[in-house]
């Protein structure tokens, strides 16, 4: 691992952290939440309830599970921004689960907090890559929250953006499977995209924008009607037409994920990651994840 920090994190002021993060409480059963996600693995019911409530109040969408089997099934569907591994749920298997996460390309860089009551041997340092914090039990719930806060804030913006894109495309794929037996699947999918908080553009076979999520409208500064009159070839997104190149690569079966620079309605340059996937015949989803505004 890059660095294993073994320490007893200081207690923090939960309310101050909430105000600093500026994130309101969100329901964990909202599949399209843009809140940072935490997978919590703990066998003890009381511990799961306590930590889940604390993390939710701090603005995290929290997915509590009781053991490693549930954790491995959940992490592939949710792609969390951090994982908390409780000693009571895994015992000596904590590092085995961490190894499984670190050997998967989609999860190897997810930060992990391990709650352990045993001494960690120095040989553990070389076994894993990715940010990992060890907290010696007993440890206060606020110390766990502080560790999660520190790890998620330290995650590079581009890694967060890519993870958001993967989650968006996974959920769209699930939606497609539910609608596939319905003759009005395309219309329903367009309605679903239009309501989304993540930035998603629906693109037809000609490259025309036929749907624009709420998140896409906020990101670009264009409203839904303006976006509906554009296409991936429209110069409004920037002179070099980066979305057109991404879409054409996708239609030709080439890699269609990467960072692009576009301009919003006010002409400000934005750097984003893009990913494209077909969700229905004749309908592609172009997902956008904001990285940072260029400094001029």
Protein backbone atom coordinates (compact mmCIF):
# COMPACT_ATOMS: atom_id res chain seq x y z
CA UNK A 1 0.00 0.00 0.00
CA UNK A 2 1.13 3.54 -0.53
CA UNK A 3 1.04 4.28 3.14
CA UNK A 4 -0.51 2.56 6.11
CA UNK A 5 -1.21 4.94 8.94
CA UNK A 6 -1.79 3.26 12.29
CA UNK A 7 -3.08 5.75 14.80
CA UNK A 8 -5.93 6.73 17.04
CA UNK A 9 -7.58 9.57 15.15
CA UNK A 10 -8.62 12.55 17.25
CA UNK A 11 -12.29 13.14 17.92
CA UNK A 12 -13.82 15.77 15.64
CA UNK A 13 -16.71 18.15 15.84
CA UNK A 14 -19.40 16.46 13.74
CA UNK A 15 -21.52 19.55 13.25
CA UNK A 16 -18.58 21.61 12.06
CA UNK A 17 -17.70 18.91 9.54
CA UNK A 18 -21.27 18.90 8.28
CA UNK A 19 -21.23 22.65 7.75
CA UNK A 20 -17.82 22.49 6.12
CA UNK A 21 -18.86 19.79 3.68
CA UNK A 22 -22.09 21.66 2.85
CA UNK A 23 -23.88 18.41 2.08
CA UNK A 24 -27.43 17.79 3.24
CA UNK A 25 -28.62 14.41 4.50
CA UNK A 26 -29.48 12.03 1.66
CA UNK A 27 -31.37 8.76 1.59
CA UNK A 28 -29.13 5.76 0.94
CA UNK A 29 -31.73 4.10 -1.31
CA UNK A 30 -31.45 6.82 -3.95
CA UNK A 31 -29.56 5.06 -6.77
CA UNK A 32 -28.61 8.29 -8.51
CA UNK A 33 -27.27 10.13 -5.50
CA UNK A 34 -24.25 12.31 -6.15
CA UNK A 35 -23.24 12.17 -2.47
CA UNK A 36 -19.92 10.46 -1.66
CA UNK A 37 -20.55 6.76 -1.03
CA UNK A 38 -19.23 4.65 1.84
CA UNK A 39 -19.43 0.86 2.09
CA UNK A 40 -19.57 -0.10 5.77
CA UNK A 41 -18.75 -3.72 6.70
CA UNK A 42 -19.63 -4.60 10.30
CA UNK A 43 -21.11 -7.77 11.81
CA UNK A 44 -22.48 -6.05 14.90
CA UNK A 45 -25.95 -4.59 14.28
CA UNK A 46 -25.52 -1.79 16.81
CA UNK A 47 -22.20 -0.78 15.26
CA UNK A 48 -23.74 -0.73 11.79
CA UNK A 49 -26.64 1.46 12.93
CA UNK A 50 -24.41 3.86 14.85
CA UNK A 51 -21.83 4.35 12.10
CA UNK A 52 -24.46 4.45 9.34
CA UNK A 53 -26.34 7.23 11.11
CA UNK A 54 -23.15 9.18 11.75
CA UNK A 55 -21.94 8.90 8.15
CA UNK A 56 -25.35 9.82 6.74
CA UNK A 57 -25.57 12.90 8.94
CA UNK A 58 -22.17 13.96 7.59
CA UNK A 59 -23.53 13.73 4.04
CA UNK A 60 -22.37 10.29 2.92
CA UNK A 61 -24.61 7.79 1.15
CA UNK A 62 -23.85 4.73 3.27
CA UNK A 63 -24.30 1.07 2.33
CA UNK A 64 -24.02 -1.14 5.44
CA UNK A 65 -23.34 -4.88 5.05
CA UNK A 66 -22.47 -7.55 7.62
CA UNK A 67 -19.72 -9.66 6.05
CA UNK A 68 -17.14 -9.98 3.29
CA UNK A 69 -19.48 -11.88 0.96
CA UNK A 70 -22.05 -9.08 1.03
CA UNK A 71 -19.24 -6.54 0.71
CA UNK A 72 -17.87 -8.06 -2.49
CA UNK A 73 -21.36 -8.24 -4.01
CA UNK A 74 -22.16 -4.65 -3.07
CA UNK A 75 -18.91 -2.96 -4.02
CA UNK A 76 -19.20 -3.95 -7.67
CA UNK A 77 -22.69 -2.44 -7.91
CA UNK A 78 -22.14 0.70 -5.83
CA UNK A 79 -18.45 1.56 -6.46
CA UNK A 80 -18.10 3.46 -3.16
CA UNK A 81 -15.70 6.33 -2.54
CA UNK A 82 -14.46 4.71 0.69
CA UNK A 83 -14.73 1.37 2.51
CA UNK A 84 -14.84 0.89 6.29
CA UNK A 85 -13.92 -2.65 7.40
CA UNK A 86 -14.96 -3.52 10.95
CA UNK A 87 -12.97 -5.99 13.03
CA UNK A 88 -16.08 -7.80 14.26
CA UNK A 89 -17.22 -8.66 10.76
CA UNK A 90 -14.00 -9.90 9.26
CA UNK A 91 -11.46 -10.65 11.96
CA UNK A 92 -8.22 -11.83 10.40
CA UNK A 93 -9.90 -11.69 6.94
CA UNK A 94 -9.79 -7.87 6.82
CA UNK A 95 -6.62 -7.91 4.74
CA UNK A 96 -7.98 -10.73 2.55
CA UNK A 97 -10.93 -8.54 1.58
CA UNK A 98 -8.61 -5.59 1.07
CA UNK A 99 -6.48 -7.75 -1.22
CA UNK A 100 -9.57 -8.62 -3.29
CA UNK A 101 -10.39 -4.93 -3.66
CA UNK A 102 -6.84 -3.98 -4.60
CA UNK A 103 -6.55 -6.64 -7.33
CA UNK A 104 -9.65 -5.39 -9.19
CA UNK A 105 -8.93 -2.49 -11.55
CA UNK A 106 -12.30 -0.88 -10.79
CA UNK A 107 -11.79 -0.85 -7.00
CA UNK A 108 -8.03 -0.87 -6.41
CA UNK A 109 -7.84 2.86 -5.67
CA UNK A 110 -10.83 3.05 -3.28
CA UNK A 111 -9.66 4.32 0.14
CA UNK A 112 -10.10 1.90 3.03
CA UNK A 113 -10.39 2.32 6.80
CA UNK A 114 -9.69 -0.86 8.77
CA UNK A 115 -10.80 -1.12 12.40
CA UNK A 116 -8.55 -3.67 14.08
CA UNK A 117 -7.80 -4.78 17.61
CA UNK A 118 -4.60 -6.62 16.70
CA UNK A 119 -1.07 -5.42 16.13
CA UNK A 120 -0.37 -4.91 12.44
CA UNK A 121 2.86 -6.50 11.26
CA UNK A 122 5.29 -4.41 9.28
CA UNK A 123 5.01 -6.83 6.36
CA UNK A 124 1.48 -5.53 5.70
CA UNK A 125 2.94 -2.34 4.26
CA UNK A 126 4.07 -3.96 1.03
CA UNK A 127 1.01 -6.06 0.32
CA UNK A 128 -1.42 -3.42 -0.91
CA UNK A 129 -1.62 -0.33 -3.04
CA UNK A 130 -4.07 2.49 -2.50
CA UNK A 131 -4.78 4.72 0.50
CA UNK A 132 -5.43 2.73 3.68
CA UNK A 133 -5.78 3.80 7.31
CA UNK A 134 -5.65 1.41 10.28
CA UNK A 135 -7.48 2.45 13.45
CA UNK A 136 -6.68 0.50 16.61
CA UNK A 137 -9.80 -0.44 18.56
CA UNK A 138 -11.43 0.70 20.72
CA UNK A 139 -11.99 3.77 18.54
CA UNK A 140 -14.72 6.40 18.72
CA UNK A 141 -17.28 6.71 15.87
CA UNK A 142 -16.15 10.32 15.31
CA UNK A 143 -12.58 9.05 14.75
CA UNK A 144 -13.89 6.73 12.02
CA UNK A 145 -15.75 9.64 10.41
CA UNK A 146 -12.63 11.82 10.59
CA UNK A 147 -10.59 9.12 8.81
CA UNK A 148 -13.22 8.78 6.05
CA UNK A 149 -13.33 12.58 5.68
CA UNK A 150 -9.55 12.77 5.34
CA UNK A 151 -9.33 9.96 2.79
CA UNK A 152 -12.17 11.16 0.56
CA UNK A 153 -10.89 14.74 0.56
CA UNK A 154 -7.43 13.49 -0.47
CA UNK A 155 -8.77 11.51 -3.45
CA UNK A 156 -7.68 13.15 -6.73
CA UNK A 157 -10.53 14.85 -8.61
CA UNK A 158 -10.02 12.78 -11.75
CA UNK A 159 -10.40 9.50 -9.82
CA UNK A 160 -13.64 10.74 -8.27
CA UNK A 161 -14.91 11.79 -11.70
CA UNK A 162 -14.14 8.42 -13.30
CA UNK A 163 -15.85 6.57 -10.44
CA UNK A 164 -18.96 8.76 -10.85
CA UNK A 165 -19.05 7.93 -14.56
CA UNK A 166 -18.79 4.21 -13.92
CA UNK A 167 -21.64 4.40 -11.40
CA UNK A 168 -23.84 6.35 -13.82
CA UNK A 169 -23.33 3.85 -16.63
CA UNK A 170 -23.88 0.87 -14.30
CA UNK A 171 -27.20 2.28 -13.14
CA UNK A 172 -28.28 3.09 -16.69
CA UNK A 173 -27.54 -0.51 -17.64
CA UNK A 174 -29.76 -1.71 -14.77
CA UNK A 175 -32.53 0.63 -15.96
CA UNK A 176 -32.21 -0.70 -19.52
CA UNK A 177 -32.70 -4.28 -18.34
CA UNK A 178 -35.90 -3.30 -16.54
CA UNK A 179 -37.27 -1.48 -19.59
CA UNK A 180 -36.14 -3.93 -22.26
CA UNK A 181 -39.45 -5.80 -22.33
CA UNK A 182 -41.44 -2.58 -22.71
CA UNK A 183 -42.32 -1.33 -26.21
CA UNK A 184 -41.95 2.26 -24.99
CA UNK A 185 -38.50 1.70 -23.53
CA UNK A 186 -36.83 4.55 -25.44
CA UNK A 187 -39.38 7.13 -24.33
CA UNK A 188 -39.18 5.97 -20.74
CA UNK A 189 -35.37 5.98 -20.79
CA UNK A 190 -35.35 9.56 -22.10
CA UNK A 191 -37.68 10.56 -19.25
CA UNK A 192 -35.36 8.83 -16.76
CA UNK A 193 -32.28 10.63 -18.11
CA UNK A 194 -34.02 14.02 -17.99
CA UNK A 195 -34.63 13.63 -14.23
CA UNK A 196 -31.11 12.60 -13.25
CA UNK A 197 -28.77 14.59 -11.01
CA UNK A 198 -25.54 13.23 -12.54
CA UNK A 199 -24.62 14.89 -15.86
CA UNK A 200 -25.91 12.60 -18.62
CA UNK A 201 -26.71 13.42 -22.25
CA UNK A 202 -28.87 11.13 -24.37
CA UNK A 203 -27.51 10.90 -27.93
CA UNK A 204 -29.34 9.35 -30.89
CA UNK A 205 -27.74 7.51 -33.82
CA UNK A 206 -27.10 10.79 -35.68
CA UNK A 207 -25.35 12.45 -32.74
CA UNK A 208 -28.30 14.69 -31.84
CA UNK A 209 -28.92 15.37 -28.14
CA UNK A 210 -32.35 13.95 -27.33
CA UNK A 211 -32.16 14.10 -23.53
CA UNK A 212 -30.27 16.18 -20.99
CA UNK A 213 -30.26 15.48 -17.27
CA UNK A 214 -30.65 18.14 -14.63
CA UNK A 215 -27.00 17.65 -13.80
CA UNK A 216 -25.98 18.25 -17.43
CA UNK A 217 -27.99 21.47 -17.50
CA UNK A 218 -26.35 22.72 -14.31
CA UNK A 219 -22.88 21.75 -15.53
CA UNK A 220 -23.11 23.37 -18.97
CA UNK A 221 -25.33 26.33 -18.10
CA UNK A 222 -27.75 25.46 -20.95
CA UNK A 223 -31.36 24.58 -20.21
CA UNK A 224 -33.03 21.44 -21.50
CA UNK A 225 -34.60 23.09 -24.55
CA UNK A 226 -31.29 24.64 -25.62
CA UNK A 227 -29.46 21.34 -25.26
CA UNK A 228 -32.22 19.52 -27.18
CA UNK A 229 -31.45 21.74 -30.19
CA UNK A 230 -27.77 20.76 -30.21
CA UNK A 231 -25.70 17.74 -31.16
CA UNK A 232 -22.28 16.39 -30.28
CA UNK A 233 -21.09 18.25 -33.39
CA UNK A 234 -22.35 21.60 -32.09
CA UNK A 235 -19.64 24.26 -31.71
CA UNK A 236 -21.33 25.61 -28.58
CA UNK A 237 -19.35 23.07 -26.54
CA UNK A 238 -15.98 24.30 -27.79
CA UNK A 239 -14.11 24.89 -31.02
CA UNK A 240 -12.30 21.55 -30.95
CA UNK A 241 -15.56 19.57 -30.61
CA UNK A 242 -14.27 17.11 -27.99
CA UNK A 243 -17.67 15.48 -27.50
CA UNK A 244 -17.87 14.71 -31.21
CA UNK A 245 -14.53 12.91 -31.08
CA UNK A 246 -15.61 10.88 -28.05
CA UNK A 247 -18.91 9.93 -29.67
CA UNK A 248 -17.34 9.00 -32.99
CA UNK A 249 -14.77 6.82 -31.22
CA UNK A 250 -17.61 5.05 -29.44
CA UNK A 251 -19.59 4.44 -32.66
CA UNK A 252 -16.47 3.01 -34.29
CA UNK A 253 -15.88 0.62 -31.42
CA UNK A 254 -12.83 2.46 -30.11
CA UNK A 255 -12.06 3.65 -26.59
CA UNK A 256 -14.45 6.47 -25.73
CA UNK A 257 -13.47 7.44 -22.20
CA UNK A 258 -11.14 10.28 -21.33
CA UNK A 259 -10.69 13.84 -20.20
CA UNK A 260 -11.92 16.65 -22.46
CA UNK A 261 -12.16 20.42 -22.23
CA UNK A 262 -15.43 22.14 -23.11
CA UNK A 263 -16.92 25.57 -22.58
CA UNK A 264 -20.11 26.25 -20.70
CA UNK A 265 -22.81 28.69 -21.80
CA UNK A 266 -20.84 31.62 -20.33
CA UNK A 267 -17.73 30.63 -22.28
CA UNK A 268 -15.81 29.38 -19.25
CA UNK A 269 -13.49 26.42 -19.90
CA UNK A 270 -14.29 23.25 -17.98
CA UNK A 271 -12.32 20.02 -17.74
CA UNK A 272 -14.41 16.87 -17.60
CA UNK A 273 -14.17 13.13 -17.98
CA UNK A 274 -16.52 11.51 -20.47
CA UNK A 275 -17.80 7.99 -20.95
CA UNK A 276 -20.28 6.66 -23.51
CA UNK A 277 -22.30 3.47 -23.55
CA UNK A 278 -25.26 2.23 -25.55
CA UNK A 279 -28.28 1.90 -23.29
CA UNK A 280 -30.86 1.01 -25.96
CA UNK A 281 -30.66 0.44 -29.72
CA UNK A 282 -30.26 3.86 -31.29
CA UNK A 283 -29.69 5.58 -27.95
CA UNK A 284 -26.32 6.20 -26.31
CA UNK A 285 -25.69 7.77 -22.92
CA UNK A 286 -22.85 10.27 -22.79
CA UNK A 287 -21.88 10.76 -19.16
CA UNK A 288 -19.96 13.84 -18.02
CA UNK A 289 -18.08 14.21 -14.76
CA UNK A 290 -16.69 17.62 -13.84
CA UNK A 291 -13.04 17.61 -12.80
CA UNK A 292 -11.98 21.23 -12.45
CA UNK A 293 -12.14 24.59 -14.12
CA UNK A 294 -8.99 25.55 -15.98
CA UNK A 295 -6.93 28.30 -14.42
CA UNK A 296 -6.27 31.19 -16.79
